[in-house]
Amino acid sequence: MNTTPNKKSDTKPDDKPGKKPTKEAAKKDAKTGDTITLKGMEDGSQLDVTVVKVVDPAKSGDDFMTPESGKRWIGVQFKLVNSGTKAYNDSPSNGAQVADAEGQQFQSTFGEITAGPSMSSSVKLAPGGKALGWIVFEAPTNSKVTQVQFAMDSGFSDQTGQWNIG
């Protein structure tokens, strides 16, 4: 699937000329296991992002860090592959979030879970490089989390990958 925004030469007859593309979801109806190719803000910056597994609720990996009272942890395992021509250097958790059925969005939190090793807080990948790890999110216990979202450049890129998980 081509995720590049339309250029003027690619406009359809019903498109408005000069209309700039807005933030876009790179793929519709993605689910756990699907890979979405996302472009970053710089030319040549690109990742193939896969939501590998989701654990909800996720169990703390130690006795010291636990979710706040009335909340739970959700673990999402991401696989990142640098499919671009430039090095990738970012904190993936900054550009990741989950959303519930009501549209409330929840950011990542610090925590080790029993599902597996955490995604590094500072990932550096040469073209072709890979990273695999869990990002932990905190949401209210009664919230039905249904989506995972990821964007490059700490969430500031023009494309957001979205996976339906619930």
C-alpha atoms as a PDB file:
ATOM      1  CA  MET A   1       0.000   0.000   0.000  1.00  0.00           C
ATOM      2  CA  ASN A   2       1.404   3.383  -0.947  1.00  0.00           C
ATOM      3  CA  THR A   3       1.285   5.770   1.996  1.00  0.00           C
ATOM      4  CA  THR A   4       2.825   8.778   0.278  1.00  0.00           C
ATOM      5  CA  PRO A   5       0.490  11.790   0.290  1.00  0.00           C
ATOM      6  CA  ASN A   6      -0.879  12.788  -3.122  1.00  0.00           C
ATOM      7  CA  LYS A   7       1.226  15.248  -5.092  1.00  0.00           C
ATOM      8  CA  LYS A   8      -0.398  17.839  -7.348  1.00  0.00           C
ATOM      9  CA  SER A   9       0.209  15.630 -10.393  1.00  0.00           C
ATOM     10  CA  ASP A  10      -1.606  12.748  -8.642  1.00  0.00           C
ATOM     11  CA  THR A  11      -4.787  14.661  -7.833  1.00  0.00           C
ATOM     12  CA  LYS A  12      -8.101  13.144  -8.719  1.00  0.00           C
ATOM     13  CA  PRO A  13     -10.732  15.214 -10.565  1.00  0.00           C
ATOM     14  CA  ASP A  14     -12.698  15.733  -7.341  1.00  0.00           C
ATOM     15  CA  ASP A  15      -9.613  16.809  -5.318  1.00  0.00           C
ATOM     16  CA  LYS A  16      -9.266  20.485  -4.514  1.00  0.00           C
ATOM     17  CA  PRO A  17      -6.144  21.937  -6.137  1.00  0.00           C
ATOM     18  CA  GLY A  18      -3.519  23.231  -3.747  1.00  0.00           C
ATOM     19  CA  LYS A  19      -4.959  21.313  -0.793  1.00  0.00           C
ATOM     20  CA  LYS A  20      -2.130  20.220   1.535  1.00  0.00           C
ATOM     21  CA  PRO A  21      -2.184  16.732   3.012  1.00  0.00           C
ATOM     22  CA  THR A  22      -2.875  16.547   6.736  1.00  0.00           C
ATOM     23  CA  LYS A  23      -1.731  13.973   9.255  1.00  0.00           C
ATOM     24  CA  GLU A  24      -2.809  10.653   7.872  1.00  0.00           C
ATOM     25  CA  ALA A  25      -3.212   7.112   9.050  1.00  0.00           C
ATOM     26  CA  ALA A  26      -0.862   5.017   6.958  1.00  0.00           C
ATOM     27  CA  LYS A  27      -3.058   1.916   6.751  1.00  0.00           C
ATOM     28  CA  LYS A  28      -6.723   1.290   7.471  1.00  0.00           C
ATOM     29  CA  ASP A  29      -7.924  -1.613   9.598  1.00  0.00           C
ATOM     30  CA  ALA A  30      -4.490  -2.877  10.699  1.00  0.00           C
ATOM     31  CA  LYS A  31      -4.477  -5.399  13.520  1.00  0.00           C
ATOM     32  CA  THR A  32      -1.962  -7.133  15.781  1.00  0.00           C
ATOM     33  CA  GLY A  33       0.694  -8.781  13.603  1.00  0.00           C
ATOM     34  CA  ASP A  34       0.325  -6.300  10.728  1.00  0.00           C
ATOM     35  CA  THR A  35       3.240  -4.129   9.585  1.00  0.00           C
ATOM     36  CA  ILE A  36       2.751  -0.475   8.652  1.00  0.00           C
ATOM     37  CA  THR A  37       5.430   1.511   6.807  1.00  0.00           C
ATOM     38  CA  LEU A  38       5.744   5.027   8.208  1.00  0.00           C
ATOM     39  CA  LYS A  39       7.771   7.948   6.921  1.00  0.00           C
ATOM     40  CA  GLY A  40       9.555  10.382   9.207  1.00  0.00           C
ATOM     41  CA  MET A  41       9.971  14.127   8.769  1.00  0.00           C
ATOM     42  CA  GLU A  42      13.340  13.871   6.947  1.00  0.00           C
ATOM     43  CA  ASP A  43      13.788  12.460   3.442  1.00  0.00           C
ATOM     44  CA  GLY A  44      14.978   8.857   3.708  1.00  0.00           C
ATOM     45  CA  SER A  45      13.585   8.413   7.222  1.00  0.00           C
ATOM     46  CA  GLN A  46      11.262   5.386   7.237  1.00  0.00           C
ATOM     47  CA  LEU A  47      10.281   2.524   9.561  1.00  0.00           C
ATOM     48  CA  ASP A  48       8.344  -0.696   9.104  1.00  0.00           C
ATOM     49  CA  VAL A  49       6.407  -0.908  12.387  1.00  0.00           C
ATOM     50  CA  THR A  50       4.680  -4.073  13.611  1.00  0.00           C
ATOM     51  CA  VAL A  51       2.525  -4.486  16.698  1.00  0.00           C
ATOM     52  CA  VAL A  52       3.640  -8.034  17.511  1.00  0.00           C
ATOM     53  CA  LYS A  53       1.674  -8.765  20.718  1.00  0.00           C
ATOM     54  CA  VAL A  54      -0.605  -7.015  23.199  1.00  0.00           C
ATOM     55  CA  VAL A  55      -0.953  -8.026  26.867  1.00  0.00           C
ATOM     56  CA  ASP A  56      -3.877  -6.450  28.739  1.00  0.00           C
ATOM     57  CA  PRO A  57      -3.550  -6.342  31.654  1.00  0.00           C
ATOM     58  CA  ALA A  58       0.225  -6.625  31.883  1.00  0.00           C
ATOM     59  CA  LYS A  59       1.815  -7.854  35.116  1.00  0.00           C
ATOM     60  CA  SER A  60       4.624  -5.890  36.749  1.00  0.00           C
ATOM     61  CA  GLY A  61       8.029  -7.509  36.496  1.00  0.00           C
ATOM     62  CA  ASP A  62       9.024  -6.417  40.020  1.00  0.00           C
ATOM     63  CA  ASP A  63       7.500  -5.612  43.405  1.00  0.00           C
ATOM     64  CA  PHE A  64       8.442  -1.925  43.342  1.00  0.00           C
ATOM     65  CA  MET A  65       6.687  -0.527  40.265  1.00  0.00           C
ATOM     66  CA  THR A  66       2.976  -1.116  39.792  1.00  0.00           C
ATOM     67  CA  PRO A  67       0.094   0.783  38.178  1.00  0.00           C
ATOM     68  CA  GLU A  68      -1.554   3.547  40.194  1.00  0.00           C
ATOM     69  CA  SER A  69      -4.682   2.670  42.162  1.00  0.00           C
ATOM     70  CA  GLY A  70      -7.664   2.277  39.781  1.00  0.00           C
ATOM     71  CA  LYS A  71      -5.391   1.787  36.765  1.00  0.00           C
ATOM     72  CA  ARG A  72      -3.785  -1.082  34.909  1.00  0.00           C
ATOM     73  CA  TRP A  73      -0.842  -1.584  32.591  1.00  0.00           C
ATOM     74  CA  ILE A  74      -1.142  -2.593  28.950  1.00  0.00           C
ATOM     75  CA  GLY A  75       1.965  -4.012  27.286  1.00  0.00           C
ATOM     76  CA  VAL A  76       2.495  -3.665  23.529  1.00  0.00           C
ATOM     77  CA  GLN A  77       5.409  -5.406  21.842  1.00  0.00           C
ATOM     78  CA  PHE A  78       6.690  -3.408  18.864  1.00  0.00           C
ATOM     79  CA  LYS A  79       9.074  -4.506  16.129  1.00  0.00           C
ATOM     80  CA  LEU A  80      10.813  -1.624  14.341  1.00  0.00           C
ATOM     81  CA  VAL A  81      12.782  -2.123  11.122  1.00  0.00           C
ATOM     82  CA  ASN A  82      14.616   0.800   9.549  1.00  0.00           C
ATOM     83  CA  SER A  83      13.479   0.493   5.920  1.00  0.00           C
ATOM     84  CA  GLY A  84      14.767   3.968   5.041  1.00  0.00           C
ATOM     85  CA  THR A  85      18.105   5.279   3.852  1.00  0.00           C
ATOM     86  CA  LYS A  86      18.882   7.398   6.960  1.00  0.00           C
ATOM     87  CA  ALA A  87      19.750   6.264  10.457  1.00  0.00           C
ATOM     88  CA  TYR A  88      16.863   6.150  12.935  1.00  0.00           C
ATOM     89  CA  ASN A  89      17.541   7.737  16.342  1.00  0.00           C
ATOM     90  CA  ASP A  90      14.557   8.307  18.632  1.00  0.00           C
ATOM     91  CA  SER A  91      12.721   7.229  21.752  1.00  0.00           C
ATOM     92  CA  PRO A  92       9.906   5.037  20.356  1.00  0.00           C
ATOM     93  CA  SER A  93       7.762   5.371  23.482  1.00  0.00           C
ATOM     94  CA  ASN A  94       7.422   9.132  22.822  1.00  0.00           C
ATOM     95  CA  GLY A  95       5.508   8.438  19.599  1.00  0.00           C
ATOM     96  CA  ALA A  96       3.356   5.584  20.923  1.00  0.00           C
ATOM     97  CA  GLN A  97      -0.018   5.678  22.633  1.00  0.00           C
ATOM     98  CA  VAL A  98      -3.139   3.593  23.115  1.00  0.00           C
ATOM     99  CA  ALA A  99      -6.762   4.722  22.844  1.00  0.00           C
ATOM    100  CA  ASP A 100      -9.976   3.373  24.297  1.00  0.00           C
ATOM    101  CA  ALA A 101     -13.433   2.919  22.787  1.00  0.00           C
ATOM    102  CA  GLU A 102     -14.418   6.404  24.031  1.00  0.00           C
ATOM    103  CA  GLY A 103     -11.513   8.079  22.211  1.00  0.00           C
ATOM    104  CA  GLN A 104      -9.419   8.747  25.331  1.00  0.00           C
ATOM    105  CA  GLN A 105      -5.696   8.424  24.610  1.00  0.00           C
ATOM    106  CA  PHE A 106      -3.078   7.159  27.053  1.00  0.00           C
ATOM    107  CA  GLN A 107       0.682   7.724  26.882  1.00  0.00           C
ATOM    108  CA  SER A 108       3.436   5.291  27.733  1.00  0.00           C
ATOM    109  CA  THR A 109       4.747   4.905  31.263  1.00  0.00           C
ATOM    110  CA  PHE A 110       7.893   3.478  32.816  1.00  0.00           C
ATOM    111  CA  GLY A 111       7.549  -0.099  33.952  1.00  0.00           C
ATOM    112  CA  GLU A 112       8.995  -3.571  33.506  1.00  0.00           C
ATOM    113  CA  ILE A 113       6.473  -6.293  32.727  1.00  0.00           C
ATOM    114  CA  THR A 114       6.696 -10.079  32.875  1.00  0.00           C
ATOM    115  CA  ALA A 115       5.790 -10.393  29.162  1.00  0.00           C
ATOM    116  CA  GLY A 116       9.370  -9.599  28.118  1.00  0.00           C
ATOM    117  CA  PRO A 117      12.139  -7.008  27.773  1.00  0.00           C
ATOM    118  CA  SER A 118      11.282  -3.335  27.379  1.00  0.00           C
ATOM    119  CA  MET A 119      11.943  -1.356  24.228  1.00  0.00           C
ATOM    120  CA  SER A 120      15.039   0.754  24.761  1.00  0.00           C
ATOM    121  CA  SER A 121      14.334   4.386  25.614  1.00  0.00           C
ATOM    122  CA  SER A 122      16.901   5.400  22.989  1.00  0.00           C
ATOM    123  CA  VAL A 123      16.821   3.337  19.799  1.00  0.00           C
ATOM    124  CA  LYS A 124      19.477   3.864  17.139  1.00  0.00           C
ATOM    125  CA  LEU A 125      19.126   1.853  13.919  1.00  0.00           C
ATOM    126  CA  ALA A 126      21.215   1.950  10.778  1.00  0.00           C
ATOM    127  CA  PRO A 127      19.291   1.270   7.548  1.00  0.00           C
ATOM    128  CA  GLY A 128      18.143  -2.355   7.740  1.00  0.00           C
ATOM    129  CA  GLY A 129      18.525  -2.431  11.547  1.00  0.00           C
ATOM    130  CA  LYS A 130      15.845  -3.934  13.819  1.00  0.00           C
ATOM    131  CA  ALA A 131      14.583  -3.352  17.355  1.00  0.00           C
ATOM    132  CA  LEU A 132      12.093  -5.428  19.349  1.00  0.00           C
ATOM    133  CA  GLY A 133      10.656  -4.631  22.772  1.00  0.00           C
ATOM    134  CA  TRP A 134       7.668  -3.878  24.955  1.00  0.00           C
ATOM    135  CA  ILE A 135       6.234  -0.417  25.632  1.00  0.00           C
ATOM    136  CA  VAL A 136       4.002  -0.111  28.697  1.00  0.00           C
ATOM    137  CA  PHE A 137       0.904   2.103  28.881  1.00  0.00           C
ATOM    138  CA  GLU A 138      -1.255   2.964  31.885  1.00  0.00           C
ATOM    139  CA  ALA A 139      -5.041   3.263  31.546  1.00  0.00           C
ATOM    140  CA  PRO A 140      -8.020   3.228  33.927  1.00  0.00           C
ATOM    141  CA  THR A 141      -9.090  -0.276  34.964  1.00  0.00           C
ATOM    142  CA  ASN A 142     -12.588   0.219  33.490  1.00  0.00           C
ATOM    143  CA  SER A 143     -11.356   1.584  30.129  1.00  0.00           C
ATOM    144  CA  LYS A 144     -11.672  -0.698  27.051  1.00  0.00           C
ATOM    145  CA  VAL A 145      -8.457  -0.114  25.084  1.00  0.00           C
ATOM    146  CA  THR A 146      -9.138  -0.739  21.377  1.00  0.00           C
ATOM    147  CA  GLN A 147      -6.275   0.912  19.439  1.00  0.00           C
ATOM    148  CA  VAL A 148      -2.510   1.264  19.401  1.00  0.00           C
ATOM    149  CA  GLN A 149      -0.967   4.256  17.602  1.00  0.00           C
ATOM    150  CA  PHE A 150       2.628   4.977  16.592  1.00  0.00           C
ATOM    151  CA  ALA A 151       4.293   7.912  14.834  1.00  0.00           C
ATOM    152  CA  MET A 152       7.972   8.574  14.122  1.00  0.00           C
ATOM    153  CA  ASP A 153       9.966  11.576  15.309  1.00  0.00           C
ATOM    154  CA  SER A 154       8.579  11.360  18.866  1.00  0.00           C
ATOM    155  CA  GLY A 155       5.052  11.583  17.461  1.00  0.00           C
ATOM    156  CA  PHE A 156       5.617  14.683  15.307  1.00  0.00           C
ATOM    157  CA  SER A 157       5.774  13.055  11.847  1.00  0.00           C
ATOM    158  CA  ASP A 158       2.893  13.447   9.400  1.00  0.00           C
ATOM    159  CA  GLN A 159       1.941   9.750   9.400  1.00  0.00           C
ATOM    160  CA  THR A 160       0.453   7.748  12.245  1.00  0.00           C
ATOM    161  CA  GLY A 161       0.130   3.986  12.197  1.00  0.00           C
ATOM    162  CA  GLN A 162      -2.982   2.663  13.910  1.00  0.00           C
ATOM    163  CA  TRP A 163      -3.789  -0.925  14.891  1.00  0.00           C
ATOM    164  CA  ASN A 164      -7.176  -2.158  16.139  1.00  0.00           C
ATOM    165  CA  ILE A 165      -6.666  -4.437  19.124  1.00  0.00           C
ATOM    166  CA  GLY A 166     -10.044  -4.814  20.780  1.00  0.00           C
END
